[in-house]
Structure formats: structure tokens, C-alpha cells
Amino acid sequence: MAGSQEAGSNVAGSKGARHGGNLFTVLSATALIATEALATAVAAGWALAGLLNLGDVGEYALMGLFSLTAVYVSVVYFRRAVRVEASLTV
């Protein structure tokens, strides 16, 4: 009986410590997703502008447009990941 109480207290203690770990995981995953999305956006703008012969101004415009989209996707990802992690730890 005493062994089961110890196991229960360890689980409760780890749950509190896990909450901070989940935030770190969400931030790390968001940084990874945001980096990949921004790199893809810049590469797509560069490639599409080169394919269509848009010049430097067109290249920068497409990079900016695609980068704004990538930032938006990253923010949406972060918000959803925080919501899911909060629902799992309750």
C-alpha cells in the first residue's frame, strides 16, 4: 500500500514539472516550423521570380509576400499547439 502511494506522489510531482517541459517543447517545435516555413518562403520567392524573370523588385516582393504567409502559418501553429498542450496537461 505504501509503495502505491509513493508512485502516486511521483506521478503528481512529475505532472507539475511536465507543464514547464510542455511549453519548452511547444516553443522548440514552433521555432523549427517557423524556420522551415520562412526558408521555404524565401526559396520559393527567389525561384518563382527567377522562373518568371521578374527582376530584383519582383523577387523581393514575392519573398516578402511568401514570408508574411509563413509567419502567419507559424503563429497559427503556435496557438494551436499551446491549446492542445494545455488540454492534455489538465
N, C-alpha and C. Protein backbone atom coordinates (compact mmCIF):
# COMPACT_ATOMS: atom_id res chain seq x y z
N MET A 1 0.81 -1.18 0.00
CA MET A 1 0.00 0.00 0.00
C MET A 1 0.86 1.26 0.00
N ALA A 2 1.93 1.25 0.81
CA ALA A 2 2.80 2.41 0.88
C ALA A 2 3.52 2.63 -0.44
N GLY A 3 3.85 1.55 -1.14
CA GLY A 3 4.52 1.67 -2.43
C GLY A 3 3.64 2.32 -3.47
N SER A 4 2.33 2.03 -3.42
CA SER A 4 1.43 2.63 -4.40
C SER A 4 1.23 4.12 -4.13
N GLN A 5 1.29 4.52 -2.85
CA GLN A 5 1.17 5.94 -2.54
C GLN A 5 2.39 6.71 -3.02
N GLU A 6 3.57 6.09 -2.92
CA GLU A 6 4.77 6.74 -3.41
C GLU A 6 4.70 6.93 -4.91
N ALA A 7 4.24 5.90 -5.60
CA ALA A 7 4.14 6.00 -7.06
C ALA A 7 3.15 7.10 -7.45
N GLY A 8 2.06 7.21 -6.69
CA GLY A 8 1.07 8.25 -6.98
C GLY A 8 1.63 9.64 -6.75
N SER A 9 2.44 9.78 -5.70
CA SER A 9 3.01 11.10 -5.43
C SER A 9 4.06 11.46 -6.48
N ASN A 10 4.78 10.48 -7.00
CA ASN A 10 5.76 10.75 -8.05
C ASN A 10 5.07 11.20 -9.33
N VAL A 11 3.94 10.57 -9.63
CA VAL A 11 3.21 10.96 -10.84
C VAL A 11 2.69 12.38 -10.69
N ALA A 12 2.14 12.70 -9.52
CA ALA A 12 1.62 14.05 -9.31
C ALA A 12 2.75 15.07 -9.37
N GLY A 13 3.91 14.74 -8.82
CA GLY A 13 5.05 15.65 -8.86
C GLY A 13 5.59 15.83 -10.26
N SER A 14 5.59 14.76 -11.04
CA SER A 14 6.11 14.87 -12.41
C SER A 14 5.14 15.62 -13.31
N LYS A 15 3.84 15.58 -12.97
CA LYS A 15 2.87 16.30 -13.78
C LYS A 15 3.10 17.80 -13.69
N GLY A 16 3.42 18.30 -12.51
CA GLY A 16 3.71 19.72 -12.34
C GLY A 16 4.98 20.11 -13.07
N ALA A 17 5.99 19.25 -13.04
CA ALA A 17 7.24 19.53 -13.74
C ALA A 17 7.05 19.42 -15.24
N ARG A 18 6.13 18.57 -15.64
CA ARG A 18 5.89 18.36 -17.07
C ARG A 18 5.27 19.58 -17.73
N HIS A 19 4.53 20.36 -16.97
CA HIS A 19 3.86 21.53 -17.56
C HIS A 19 4.88 22.50 -18.15
N GLY A 20 5.97 22.75 -17.45
CA GLY A 20 7.02 23.62 -17.98
C GLY A 20 7.73 22.99 -19.15
N GLY A 21 7.89 21.68 -19.13
CA GLY A 21 8.52 20.96 -20.23
C GLY A 21 7.69 21.03 -21.49
N ASN A 22 6.36 21.04 -21.34
CA ASN A 22 5.50 21.13 -22.50
C ASN A 22 5.64 22.48 -23.19
N LEU A 23 5.78 23.52 -22.42
CA LEU A 23 5.97 24.85 -23.00
C LEU A 23 7.27 24.90 -23.79
N PHE A 24 8.31 24.31 -23.24
CA PHE A 24 9.59 24.26 -23.94
C PHE A 24 9.46 23.46 -25.24
N THR A 25 8.72 22.37 -25.21
CA THR A 25 8.51 21.55 -26.40
C THR A 25 7.73 22.33 -27.46
N VAL A 26 6.70 23.04 -27.05
CA VAL A 26 5.90 23.83 -27.99
C VAL A 26 6.76 24.94 -28.61
N LEU A 27 7.56 25.62 -27.79
CA LEU A 27 8.42 26.68 -28.32
C LEU A 27 9.46 26.11 -29.28
N SER A 28 10.03 24.98 -28.94
CA SER A 28 11.03 24.36 -29.80
C SER A 28 10.43 23.92 -31.13
N ALA A 29 9.27 23.30 -31.07
CA ALA A 29 8.61 22.86 -32.30
C ALA A 29 8.20 24.05 -33.15
N THR A 30 7.74 25.12 -32.51
CA THR A 30 7.36 26.31 -33.25
C THR A 30 8.57 26.95 -33.92
N ALA A 31 9.70 26.98 -33.23
CA ALA A 31 10.91 27.53 -33.83
C ALA A 31 11.33 26.72 -35.05
N LEU A 32 11.22 25.40 -34.95
CA LEU A 32 11.56 24.54 -36.08
C LEU A 32 10.62 24.78 -37.26
N ILE A 33 9.32 24.79 -37.00
CA ILE A 33 8.33 25.00 -38.05
C ILE A 33 8.50 26.38 -38.69
N ALA A 34 8.71 27.41 -37.86
CA ALA A 34 8.85 28.77 -38.38
C ALA A 34 10.11 28.90 -39.24
N THR A 35 11.20 28.28 -38.82
CA THR A 35 12.43 28.35 -39.60
C THR A 35 12.26 27.66 -40.95
N GLU A 36 11.64 26.49 -40.94
CA GLU A 36 11.42 25.77 -42.19
C GLU A 36 10.46 26.54 -43.11
N ALA A 37 9.42 27.10 -42.53
CA ALA A 37 8.44 27.84 -43.33
C ALA A 37 9.07 29.09 -43.95
N LEU A 38 9.86 29.82 -43.18
CA LEU A 38 10.50 31.03 -43.71
C LEU A 38 11.54 30.70 -44.77
N ALA A 39 12.32 29.65 -44.54
CA ALA A 39 13.31 29.26 -45.54
C ALA A 39 12.63 28.83 -46.84
N THR A 40 11.55 28.10 -46.72
CA THR A 40 10.80 27.67 -47.90
C THR A 40 10.18 28.88 -48.61
N ALA A 41 9.67 29.83 -47.85
CA ALA A 41 9.06 31.02 -48.45
C ALA A 41 10.08 31.84 -49.23
N VAL A 42 11.26 32.04 -48.65
CA VAL A 42 12.29 32.82 -49.34
C VAL A 42 12.77 32.08 -50.58
N ALA A 43 12.97 30.78 -50.47
CA ALA A 43 13.42 30.00 -51.63
C ALA A 43 12.36 29.97 -52.73
N ALA A 44 11.10 29.87 -52.35
CA ALA A 44 10.03 29.86 -53.35
C ALA A 44 9.93 31.20 -54.05
N GLY A 45 10.05 32.30 -53.30
CA GLY A 45 10.03 33.63 -53.91
C GLY A 45 11.17 33.83 -54.87
N TRP A 46 12.36 33.41 -54.47
CA TRP A 46 13.53 33.52 -55.33
C TRP A 46 13.37 32.68 -56.61
N ALA A 47 12.92 31.43 -56.45
CA ALA A 47 12.79 30.53 -57.59
C ALA A 47 11.69 30.99 -58.55
N LEU A 48 10.56 31.39 -58.01
CA LEU A 48 9.45 31.82 -58.87
C LEU A 48 9.78 33.11 -59.61
N ALA A 49 10.43 34.03 -58.93
CA ALA A 49 10.83 35.28 -59.58
C ALA A 49 11.86 35.01 -60.68
N GLY A 50 12.78 34.10 -60.43
CA GLY A 50 13.75 33.75 -61.46
C GLY A 50 13.11 33.05 -62.65
N LEU A 51 12.14 32.20 -62.37
CA LEU A 51 11.44 31.48 -63.44
C LEU A 51 10.63 32.43 -64.32
N LEU A 52 10.03 33.43 -63.70
CA LEU A 52 9.18 34.38 -64.43
C LEU A 52 9.92 35.64 -64.87
N ASN A 53 11.24 35.70 -64.62
CA ASN A 53 12.06 36.86 -64.98
C ASN A 53 11.46 38.17 -64.44
N LEU A 54 11.18 38.20 -63.15
CA LEU A 54 10.56 39.37 -62.53
C LEU A 54 11.58 40.41 -62.07
N GLY A 55 12.83 40.08 -62.05
CA GLY A 55 13.86 41.02 -61.61
C GLY A 55 13.95 41.07 -60.09
N ASP A 56 14.79 41.98 -59.63
CA ASP A 56 15.04 42.09 -58.19
C ASP A 56 13.81 42.54 -57.41
N VAL A 57 13.10 43.51 -57.94
CA VAL A 57 11.94 44.03 -57.23
C VAL A 57 10.86 42.94 -57.11
N GLY A 58 10.61 42.23 -58.17
CA GLY A 58 9.64 41.14 -58.14
C GLY A 58 10.08 40.03 -57.20
N GLU A 59 11.38 39.77 -57.20
CA GLU A 59 11.92 38.74 -56.32
C GLU A 59 11.68 39.10 -54.85
N TYR A 60 12.01 40.34 -54.48
CA TYR A 60 11.83 40.77 -53.10
C TYR A 60 10.34 40.84 -52.73
N ALA A 61 9.51 41.23 -53.68
CA ALA A 61 8.07 41.29 -53.41
C ALA A 61 7.52 39.89 -53.13
N LEU A 62 7.90 38.92 -53.95
CA LEU A 62 7.43 37.55 -53.72
C LEU A 62 7.99 36.97 -52.42
N MET A 63 9.26 37.25 -52.15
CA MET A 63 9.84 36.78 -50.89
C MET A 63 9.08 37.36 -49.70
N GLY A 64 8.78 38.65 -49.76
CA GLY A 64 8.03 39.29 -48.68
C GLY A 64 6.63 38.74 -48.53
N LEU A 65 5.94 38.55 -49.65
CA LEU A 65 4.58 38.01 -49.62
C LEU A 65 4.57 36.60 -49.05
N PHE A 66 5.47 35.76 -49.53
CA PHE A 66 5.53 34.39 -49.03
C PHE A 66 6.00 34.34 -47.58
N SER A 67 6.87 35.25 -47.19
CA SER A 67 7.34 35.29 -45.80
C SER A 67 6.22 35.69 -44.85
N LEU A 68 5.39 36.64 -45.25
CA LEU A 68 4.24 37.01 -44.42
C LEU A 68 3.31 35.82 -44.23
N THR A 69 3.11 35.06 -45.29
CA THR A 69 2.29 33.85 -45.19
C THR A 69 2.92 32.84 -44.24
N ALA A 70 4.24 32.69 -44.31
CA ALA A 70 4.94 31.75 -43.44
C ALA A 70 4.85 32.17 -41.98
N VAL A 71 4.95 33.47 -41.72
CA VAL A 71 4.82 33.96 -40.34
C VAL A 71 3.41 33.72 -39.83
N TYR A 72 2.41 33.95 -40.67
CA TYR A 72 1.03 33.71 -40.28
C TYR A 72 0.81 32.23 -39.94
N VAL A 73 1.32 31.34 -40.78
CA VAL A 73 1.19 29.90 -40.53
C VAL A 73 1.90 29.52 -39.23
N SER A 74 3.03 30.11 -38.96
CA SER A 74 3.77 29.81 -37.73
C SER A 74 3.01 30.27 -36.49
N VAL A 75 2.38 31.43 -36.55
CA VAL A 75 1.59 31.93 -35.42
C VAL A 75 0.38 31.04 -35.19
N VAL A 76 -0.29 30.64 -36.25
CA VAL A 76 -1.44 29.74 -36.12
C VAL A 76 -0.99 28.40 -35.53
N TYR A 77 0.13 27.89 -35.98
CA TYR A 77 0.67 26.64 -35.44
C TYR A 77 0.94 26.78 -33.94
N PHE A 78 1.58 27.87 -33.54
CA PHE A 78 1.90 28.08 -32.13
C PHE A 78 0.64 28.13 -31.28
N ARG A 79 -0.36 28.87 -31.73
CA ARG A 79 -1.60 28.99 -30.96
C ARG A 79 -2.29 27.64 -30.80
N ARG A 80 -2.34 26.88 -31.88
CA ARG A 80 -2.99 25.56 -31.80
C ARG A 80 -2.18 24.60 -30.94
N ALA A 81 -0.88 24.65 -31.03
CA ALA A 81 -0.04 23.75 -30.23
C ALA A 81 -0.18 24.07 -28.74
N VAL A 82 -0.24 25.34 -28.39
CA VAL A 82 -0.42 25.72 -26.99
C VAL A 82 -1.78 25.25 -26.50
N ARG A 83 -2.81 25.40 -27.32
CA ARG A 83 -4.16 24.97 -26.93
C ARG A 83 -4.21 23.47 -26.71
N VAL A 84 -3.59 22.71 -27.60
CA VAL A 84 -3.59 21.25 -27.47
C VAL A 84 -2.80 20.82 -26.24
N GLU A 85 -1.62 21.40 -26.03
CA GLU A 85 -0.81 21.03 -24.87
C GLU A 85 -1.53 21.39 -23.56
N ALA A 86 -2.24 22.51 -23.55
CA ALA A 86 -2.97 22.90 -22.34
C ALA A 86 -4.10 21.91 -22.06
N SER A 87 -4.74 21.43 -23.10
CA SER A 87 -5.84 20.47 -22.90
C SER A 87 -5.31 19.11 -22.47
N LEU A 88 -4.09 18.76 -22.86
CA LEU A 88 -3.53 17.47 -22.48
C LEU A 88 -3.03 17.44 -21.05
N THR A 89 -2.59 18.56 -20.51
CA THR A 89 -2.00 18.59 -19.18
C THR A 89 -3.01 18.84 -18.09
N VAL A 90 -4.25 19.11 -18.42
CA VAL A 90 -5.26 19.38 -17.40
C VAL A 90 -5.74 18.13 -16.75
